[in-house]
Amino acid sequence: MWAAIKARLRRRAEEEPTATSPTSPEPRAPAAVSATPPPAAERTAPAPRAPEPAPRGSEEGMFSDGMFGRRLKEEKIEDVMDDLEIALLQSDVSLPVIERLRRDLRKDLAGKKLRYGVEAEEAIRVTLERSVRSILARPPIDLAAAIRGHAGSPYVILFVGVNGTGKTTTIAKLAGWLRAQGLSSVIAASDTFRAGAIEQLLVHGERLGIRVVRQQEGSDPAAVAFDAVQHAKAKHVDVVLVDTAGRQHTNENLIEEAKKIRRVVSPALTLFVGDALSGNDVVEQAKLFDRAIGFDGLVLTKLDADVKGGAALSTTFVTKKPIVFIGIGQGYGDFAPFDADWMVRHLFAEGTAG
């Protein structure tokens, strides 16, 4: 994200018009040269030369001098804001987030005194980093602690999201993560809408050594989830991970199916799984799922390949829900609890393009 913003700001600096005097007189033709020099009394001192114009790309067009340093010109703030908005839109940042960042930047930079040698670019970066960190700093969910402190057993986690976001793989990754925390789990293959989802979970379960509770394709998804909870109770399994059919918000039947699963198993946690590479689509999907079903936190997949980063920032800001886990690769171990500091470093990395 920062690479796109920086490129836009530097393009603005390069396009700054050359400073000229607004009261400079029209150029005149040179006077005729007299063969005889005028008397000394009539000679006049040469007119002082106008100052050389500021070089293109300098910061003179953006700053005014003051006694204690340079002050960012008010009229330039909006130019910076416009460039910032374009760069953020190109980085998949949603408009509500852009408005928040614009407000913070205007408040922080308007009339700010800067020491000589401090570039506007760095001042803008510092403000944006602080704003982004504030947006991402939502109360985290410590899942391992929540499971261990859960009254009764098992702890049920329901997963929702559209097709193709990596939801089924995310469930397998979380099962592996729970095992590393010393917690046992069972998977409910409640996506009975397509046989491929059941087969995929069976492969993951065999690789990880984790039980997958399933029925035939077309079975009642809520019944599958119920069976998994009963199995967990009988075997003293800590966590039940419930898969659901990938659904669009417009599919009322599947939405009602997910609501039925919630009523039957009363999940302690519902997670929305979104693809970070889908840009603002994932923001709209999250909003609609939250409105239709409701969820407690976000899992963002393919975040390692998302050089823009705007989807992660926008989704948590718009839904006001924390990012709980992130997928950062294909392997079972490429899965980790969300770290806001890591995300800020990712968004403002100098070497990324986007």
Protein backbone atom coordinates (compact mmCIF):
# COMPACT_ATOMS: atom_id res chain seq x y z
CA MET A 1 0.00 0.00 0.00
CA TRP A 2 2.70 2.48 0.97
CA ALA A 3 4.55 1.96 -2.31
CA ALA A 4 1.50 3.19 -4.25
CA ILE A 5 1.06 6.20 -1.97
CA LYS A 6 4.75 7.10 -2.13
CA ALA A 7 4.82 6.86 -5.92
CA ARG A 8 1.82 9.17 -6.13
CA LEU A 9 3.36 11.74 -3.78
CA ARG A 10 6.64 11.77 -5.67
CA ARG A 11 4.81 12.20 -8.95
CA ARG A 12 3.08 15.21 -7.42
CA ALA A 13 6.41 16.70 -6.37
CA GLU A 14 7.85 16.25 -9.84
CA GLU A 15 4.84 17.98 -11.37
CA GLU A 16 4.99 21.03 -9.08
CA PRO A 17 5.05 24.15 -11.30
CA THR A 18 8.24 26.14 -11.39
CA ALA A 19 8.07 29.08 -9.00
CA THR A 20 7.73 32.40 -10.79
CA SER A 21 7.13 35.96 -9.66
CA PRO A 22 3.50 36.97 -10.28
CA THR A 23 4.46 40.61 -10.74
CA SER A 24 7.30 40.08 -13.19
CA PRO A 25 7.05 42.68 -16.01
CA GLU A 26 6.61 41.73 -19.62
CA PRO A 27 9.96 41.11 -21.33
CA ARG A 28 11.06 44.14 -23.43
CA ALA A 29 13.21 44.41 -26.50
CA PRO A 30 16.78 45.47 -25.69
CA ALA A 31 17.43 49.22 -25.97
CA ALA A 32 19.75 50.54 -28.68
CA VAL A 33 23.36 50.60 -27.64
CA SER A 34 24.81 54.13 -27.43
CA ALA A 35 28.30 54.60 -28.77
CA THR A 36 28.97 57.25 -26.14
CA PRO A 37 28.55 56.22 -22.51
CA PRO A 38 26.29 58.54 -20.44
CA PRO A 39 27.80 60.86 -17.88
CA ALA A 40 28.63 59.39 -14.52
CA ALA A 41 25.84 61.39 -12.85
CA GLU A 42 23.25 59.86 -15.14
CA ARG A 43 24.45 56.33 -14.66
CA THR A 44 22.12 54.11 -12.58
CA ALA A 45 22.92 51.00 -10.64
CA PRO A 46 21.88 47.81 -12.40
CA ALA A 47 18.49 46.48 -11.33
CA PRO A 48 18.70 43.60 -8.88
CA ARG A 49 18.31 40.23 -10.53
CA ALA A 50 15.21 38.21 -9.77
CA PRO A 51 15.84 35.13 -7.64
CA GLU A 52 16.41 31.92 -9.50
CA PRO A 53 13.26 29.79 -9.69
CA ALA A 54 13.05 26.76 -7.42
CA PRO A 55 14.10 23.58 -9.17
CA ARG A 56 11.37 21.21 -10.29
CA GLY A 57 10.54 18.61 -7.68
CA SER A 58 11.61 20.79 -4.76
CA GLU A 59 9.43 21.16 -1.69
CA GLU A 60 9.21 24.97 -2.00
CA GLY A 61 5.81 24.63 -3.62
CA MET A 62 4.52 22.68 -0.63
CA PHE A 63 6.05 24.59 2.31
CA SER A 64 6.19 28.19 3.54
CA ASP A 65 9.05 29.39 5.70
CA GLY A 66 8.55 30.30 9.33
CA MET A 67 10.75 31.36 12.23
CA PHE A 68 11.00 27.86 13.67
CA GLY A 69 10.87 25.76 10.55
CA ARG A 70 8.66 25.08 7.59
CA ARG A 71 4.89 25.01 7.72
CA LEU A 72 2.88 22.86 5.33
CA LYS A 73 0.79 25.19 3.17
CA GLU A 74 -2.93 24.86 3.71
CA GLU A 75 -3.73 24.94 -0.01
CA LYS A 76 -1.41 21.97 -0.59
CA ILE A 77 -3.10 19.76 1.98
CA GLU A 78 -6.06 19.03 -0.28
CA ASP A 79 -3.74 18.23 -3.21
CA VAL A 80 -2.02 15.67 -1.00
CA MET A 81 -5.42 14.32 0.07
CA ASP A 82 -6.54 13.84 -3.52
CA ASP A 83 -3.37 11.96 -4.42
CA LEU A 84 -3.69 9.90 -1.26
CA GLU A 85 -7.27 8.93 -2.12
CA ILE A 86 -6.32 7.76 -5.60
CA ALA A 87 -3.43 5.68 -4.27
CA LEU A 88 -5.59 4.12 -1.55
CA LEU A 89 -8.38 3.25 -3.98
CA GLN A 90 -5.80 1.53 -6.16
CA SER A 91 -4.73 -0.42 -3.07
CA ASP A 92 -8.25 -1.77 -2.45
CA VAL A 93 -8.93 0.51 0.51
CA SER A 94 -12.65 1.22 0.92
CA LEU A 95 -14.08 4.73 0.98
CA PRO A 96 -15.00 4.72 4.72
CA VAL A 97 -11.36 3.95 5.56
CA ILE A 98 -10.11 6.60 3.13
CA GLU A 99 -12.31 9.21 4.82
CA ARG A 100 -10.89 8.23 8.20
CA LEU A 101 -7.30 8.46 6.92
CA ARG A 102 -7.97 11.81 5.23
CA ARG A 103 -9.41 13.19 8.46
CA ASP A 104 -6.43 12.03 10.49
CA LEU A 105 -3.94 13.35 7.94
CA ARG A 106 -5.61 16.76 7.67
CA LYS A 107 -5.70 17.11 11.45
CA ASP A 108 -2.09 16.07 11.89
CA LEU A 109 -0.43 17.89 8.99
CA ALA A 110 -2.33 21.15 8.56
CA GLY A 111 0.03 23.92 9.66
CA LYS A 112 2.53 21.47 11.08
CA LYS A 113 6.02 22.85 11.62
CA LEU A 114 8.73 20.67 10.16
CA ARG A 115 12.46 20.95 10.67
CA TYR A 116 14.58 21.54 7.62
CA GLY A 117 15.49 18.25 5.98
CA VAL A 118 12.31 16.47 7.05
CA GLU A 119 10.34 15.53 3.98
CA ALA A 120 6.59 15.73 3.66
CA GLU A 121 6.67 12.10 2.58
CA GLU A 122 7.97 10.95 5.96
CA ALA A 123 5.48 13.11 7.86
CA ILE A 124 2.64 11.60 5.85
CA ARG A 125 3.95 8.09 6.41
CA VAL A 126 4.14 8.54 10.19
CA THR A 127 0.56 9.80 10.33
CA LEU A 128 -0.77 7.01 8.13
CA GLU A 129 1.03 4.31 10.11
CA ARG A 130 -0.47 5.65 13.33
CA SER A 131 -3.97 5.75 11.81
CA VAL A 132 -3.70 2.24 10.35
CA ARG A 133 -2.45 0.84 13.63
CA SER A 134 -5.41 2.43 15.39
CA ILE A 135 -7.86 0.84 12.93
CA LEU A 136 -6.30 -2.61 13.29
CA ALA A 137 -6.02 -2.45 17.08
CA ARG A 138 -9.37 -4.04 17.91
CA PRO A 139 -9.70 -6.18 21.03
CA PRO A 140 -8.11 -9.49 19.98
CA ILE A 141 -9.59 -12.94 20.50
CA ASP A 142 -7.13 -15.25 22.29
CA LEU A 143 -8.65 -18.45 20.99
CA ALA A 144 -6.54 -20.93 22.98
CA ALA A 145 -7.35 -19.11 26.23
CA ALA A 146 -11.04 -18.86 25.32
CA ILE A 147 -11.23 -22.62 24.67
CA ARG A 148 -9.50 -23.52 27.92
CA GLY A 149 -11.74 -21.16 29.86
CA HIS A 150 -14.95 -22.29 28.16
CA ALA A 151 -17.63 -23.55 30.53
CA GLY A 152 -18.65 -27.01 29.39
CA SER A 153 -17.41 -28.96 26.43
CA PRO A 154 -16.89 -28.82 23.54
CA TYR A 155 -16.05 -25.36 22.19
CA VAL A 156 -17.86 -25.05 18.83
CA ILE A 157 -16.52 -22.87 16.00
CA LEU A 158 -18.71 -22.22 12.96
CA PHE A 159 -17.11 -21.14 9.67
CA VAL A 160 -18.97 -19.13 7.03
CA GLY A 161 -17.95 -17.55 3.72
CA VAL A 162 -18.36 -17.75 -0.04
CA ASN A 163 -16.97 -20.43 -2.31
CA GLY A 164 -13.31 -20.24 -3.27
CA THR A 165 -12.03 -18.31 -0.26
CA GLY A 166 -10.12 -21.23 1.26
CA LYS A 167 -12.63 -21.96 4.02
CA THR A 168 -12.20 -25.74 4.04
CA THR A 169 -8.41 -25.48 3.99
CA THR A 170 -8.59 -22.88 6.78
CA ILE A 171 -10.49 -25.37 8.95
CA ALA A 172 -7.75 -27.95 8.43
CA LYS A 173 -5.06 -25.39 9.23
CA LEU A 174 -6.85 -24.37 12.42
CA ALA A 175 -7.14 -28.01 13.45
CA GLY A 176 -3.37 -28.33 13.07
CA TRP A 177 -2.83 -25.09 15.01
CA LEU A 178 -5.06 -26.32 17.85
CA ARG A 179 -3.11 -29.56 18.08
CA ALA A 180 0.09 -27.52 18.42
CA GLN A 181 -1.58 -25.74 21.37
CA GLY A 182 -2.32 -29.07 23.01
CA LEU A 183 -6.04 -28.97 22.12
CA SER A 184 -7.97 -31.76 20.41
CA SER A 185 -10.57 -31.20 17.71
CA VAL A 186 -13.09 -32.88 15.43
CA ILE A 187 -14.34 -31.57 12.09
CA ALA A 188 -18.00 -31.54 11.05
CA ALA A 189 -18.36 -31.81 7.27
CA SER A 190 -21.58 -29.79 7.18
CA ASP A 191 -21.06 -28.65 3.61
CA THR A 192 -23.26 -31.41 2.25
CA PHE A 193 -24.16 -29.26 -0.74
CA ARG A 194 -21.22 -30.65 -2.74
CA ALA A 195 -19.44 -33.99 -2.39
CA GLY A 196 -16.08 -32.41 -3.16
CA ALA A 197 -16.07 -30.51 0.13
CA ILE A 198 -16.58 -33.71 2.12
CA GLU A 199 -13.82 -35.50 0.22
CA GLN A 200 -11.47 -32.56 0.73
CA LEU A 201 -12.02 -32.61 4.50
CA LEU A 202 -11.49 -36.38 4.62
CA VAL A 203 -8.10 -35.95 2.94
CA HIS A 204 -7.12 -33.22 5.41
CA GLY A 205 -8.36 -35.27 8.35
CA GLU A 206 -6.33 -38.31 7.26
CA ARG A 207 -3.17 -36.21 6.85
CA LEU A 208 -3.60 -34.55 10.22
CA GLY A 209 -4.92 -37.58 12.10
CA ILE A 210 -8.16 -35.76 13.00
CA ARG A 211 -11.64 -37.30 12.95
CA VAL A 212 -14.10 -35.97 10.33
CA VAL A 213 -17.80 -36.52 11.07
CA ARG A 214 -19.77 -36.75 7.85
CA GLN A 215 -22.92 -38.05 6.17
CA GLN A 216 -23.86 -38.51 2.55
CA GLU A 217 -24.10 -35.67 0.08
CA GLY A 218 -27.43 -33.89 0.45
CA SER A 219 -27.84 -34.79 4.14
CA ASP A 220 -29.07 -32.26 6.68
CA PRO A 221 -26.03 -30.06 7.52
CA ALA A 222 -27.36 -29.28 10.99
CA ALA A 223 -27.62 -33.02 11.73
CA VAL A 224 -23.97 -33.48 10.78
CA ALA A 225 -22.94 -30.67 13.09
CA PHE A 226 -25.07 -32.12 15.90
CA ASP A 227 -23.45 -35.55 15.48
CA ALA A 228 -20.00 -33.96 15.67
CA VAL A 229 -20.87 -32.20 18.92
CA GLN A 230 -22.20 -35.43 20.42
CA HIS A 231 -19.03 -37.25 19.36
CA ALA A 232 -16.90 -34.54 20.96
CA LYS A 233 -18.84 -34.81 24.22
CA ALA A 234 -18.50 -38.58 24.31
CA LYS A 235 -14.78 -38.55 23.50
CA HIS A 236 -13.94 -35.41 25.54
CA VAL A 237 -12.73 -33.55 22.46
CA ASP A 238 -12.00 -29.88 23.11
CA VAL A 239 -13.19 -28.24 19.88
CA VAL A 240 -15.70 -28.89 17.08
CA LEU A 241 -14.90 -27.17 13.77
CA VAL A 242 -18.05 -26.87 11.65
CA ASP A 243 -17.70 -26.37 7.89
CA THR A 244 -20.64 -24.90 5.96
CA ALA A 245 -21.55 -24.63 2.30
CA GLY A 246 -19.93 -21.68 0.59
CA ARG A 247 -22.81 -19.37 -0.04
CA GLN A 248 -23.57 -16.02 -1.59
CA HIS A 249 -25.74 -13.60 0.35
CA THR A 250 -28.39 -13.91 -2.37
CA ASN A 251 -28.87 -17.65 -1.77
CA GLU A 252 -31.65 -17.55 0.82
CA ASN A 253 -31.84 -21.33 1.19
CA LEU A 254 -28.20 -21.65 2.17
CA ILE A 255 -28.45 -18.64 4.48
CA GLU A 256 -31.36 -20.29 6.29
CA GLU A 257 -29.35 -23.51 6.44
CA ALA A 258 -26.50 -21.72 8.23
CA LYS A 259 -28.96 -20.15 10.67
CA LYS A 260 -30.34 -23.61 11.44
CA ILE A 261 -26.83 -24.92 12.19
CA ARG A 262 -26.34 -22.02 14.60
CA ARG A 263 -29.58 -22.82 16.40
CA VAL A 264 -28.71 -26.52 16.69
CA VAL A 265 -25.09 -26.33 17.92
CA SER A 266 -24.96 -22.80 19.48
CA PRO A 267 -21.37 -22.03 18.42
CA ALA A 268 -19.15 -20.23 20.87
CA LEU A 269 -17.42 -18.50 17.96
CA THR A 270 -18.43 -17.79 14.36
CA LEU A 271 -15.66 -16.87 11.92
CA PHE A 272 -16.02 -15.33 8.48
CA VAL A 273 -13.36 -16.55 6.04
CA GLY A 274 -12.46 -14.09 3.29
CA ASP A 275 -9.95 -13.99 0.45
CA ALA A 276 -7.64 -11.00 0.84
CA LEU A 277 -6.95 -11.00 -2.91
CA SER A 278 -10.59 -10.25 -3.72
CA GLY A 279 -10.17 -6.60 -2.76
CA ASN A 280 -13.32 -4.67 -1.92
CA ASP A 281 -15.45 -7.73 -2.77
CA VAL A 282 -14.44 -9.29 0.53
CA VAL A 283 -15.58 -6.13 2.35
CA GLU A 284 -19.05 -6.36 0.80
CA GLN A 285 -19.23 -10.10 1.47
CA ALA A 286 -18.33 -9.60 5.13
CA LYS A 287 -20.93 -6.86 5.56
CA LEU A 288 -23.66 -9.00 4.04
CA PHE A 289 -22.74 -12.13 6.02
CA ASP A 290 -22.67 -10.15 9.24
CA ARG A 291 -26.10 -8.73 8.48
CA ALA A 292 -27.60 -12.10 7.50
CA ILE A 293 -25.93 -14.50 9.95
CA GLY A 294 -23.60 -12.55 12.22
CA PHE A 295 -20.02 -13.44 13.07
CA ASP A 296 -17.47 -12.68 15.75
CA GLY A 297 -14.18 -12.41 13.87
CA LEU A 298 -12.38 -12.61 10.55
CA VAL A 299 -9.96 -15.07 8.99
CA LEU A 300 -8.21 -13.65 5.93
CA THR A 301 -6.58 -16.08 3.52
CA LYS A 302 -3.82 -15.53 0.93
CA LEU A 303 -2.57 -12.51 2.82
CA ASP A 304 1.01 -13.35 1.87
CA ALA A 305 0.15 -12.73 -1.80
CA ASP A 306 -1.79 -9.52 -1.14
CA VAL A 307 0.75 -6.76 -1.77
CA LYS A 308 -1.92 -4.05 -1.56
CA GLY A 309 -3.30 -4.90 1.87
CA GLY A 310 -6.37 -2.71 1.59
CA ALA A 311 -8.85 -5.58 2.00
CA ALA A 312 -7.60 -6.47 5.47
CA LEU A 313 -7.71 -2.87 6.62
CA SER A 314 -11.13 -2.21 5.14
CA THR A 315 -12.83 -5.41 6.32
CA THR A 316 -12.00 -4.96 9.98
CA PHE A 317 -12.84 -1.24 9.86
CA VAL A 318 -16.22 -1.68 8.16
CA THR A 319 -17.41 -4.70 10.18
CA LYS A 320 -15.80 -3.55 13.44
CA LYS A 321 -14.72 -7.16 13.99
CA PRO A 322 -11.17 -8.29 14.80
CA ILE A 323 -8.99 -10.31 12.45
CA VAL A 324 -8.39 -13.52 14.40
CA PHE A 325 -6.19 -15.56 12.02
CA ILE A 326 -4.42 -15.06 8.72
CA GLY A 327 -3.39 -17.52 6.04
CA ILE A 328 0.10 -16.82 4.72
CA GLY A 329 0.87 -19.84 2.54
CA GLN A 330 -0.25 -23.25 1.34
CA GLY A 331 1.09 -25.47 4.14
CA TYR A 332 -0.70 -26.37 7.35
CA GLY A 333 1.85 -24.34 9.28
CA ASP A 334 1.27 -21.24 7.13
CA PHE A 335 -1.41 -20.03 9.49
CA ALA A 336 -1.07 -17.72 12.47
CA PRO A 337 -2.98 -15.51 14.89
CA PHE A 338 -3.29 -11.99 13.56
CA ASP A 339 -0.56 -9.55 14.60
CA ALA A 340 -1.34 -5.86 14.00
CA ASP A 341 2.37 -4.94 14.08
CA TRP A 342 3.10 -7.47 11.32
CA MET A 343 0.24 -6.07 9.26
CA VAL A 344 1.52 -2.50 9.58
CA ARG A 345 4.99 -3.62 8.50
CA HIS A 346 3.43 -5.48 5.56
CA LEU A 347 1.39 -2.45 4.45
CA PHE A 348 4.28 0.00 4.71
CA ALA A 349 7.09 -2.23 3.44
CA GLU A 350 9.35 -0.25 1.12
CA GLY A 351 9.93 -3.14 -1.26
CA THR A 352 6.30 -3.97 -2.02
CA ALA A 353 4.46 -2.70 -5.01
CA GLY A 354 0.79 -2.01 -5.07
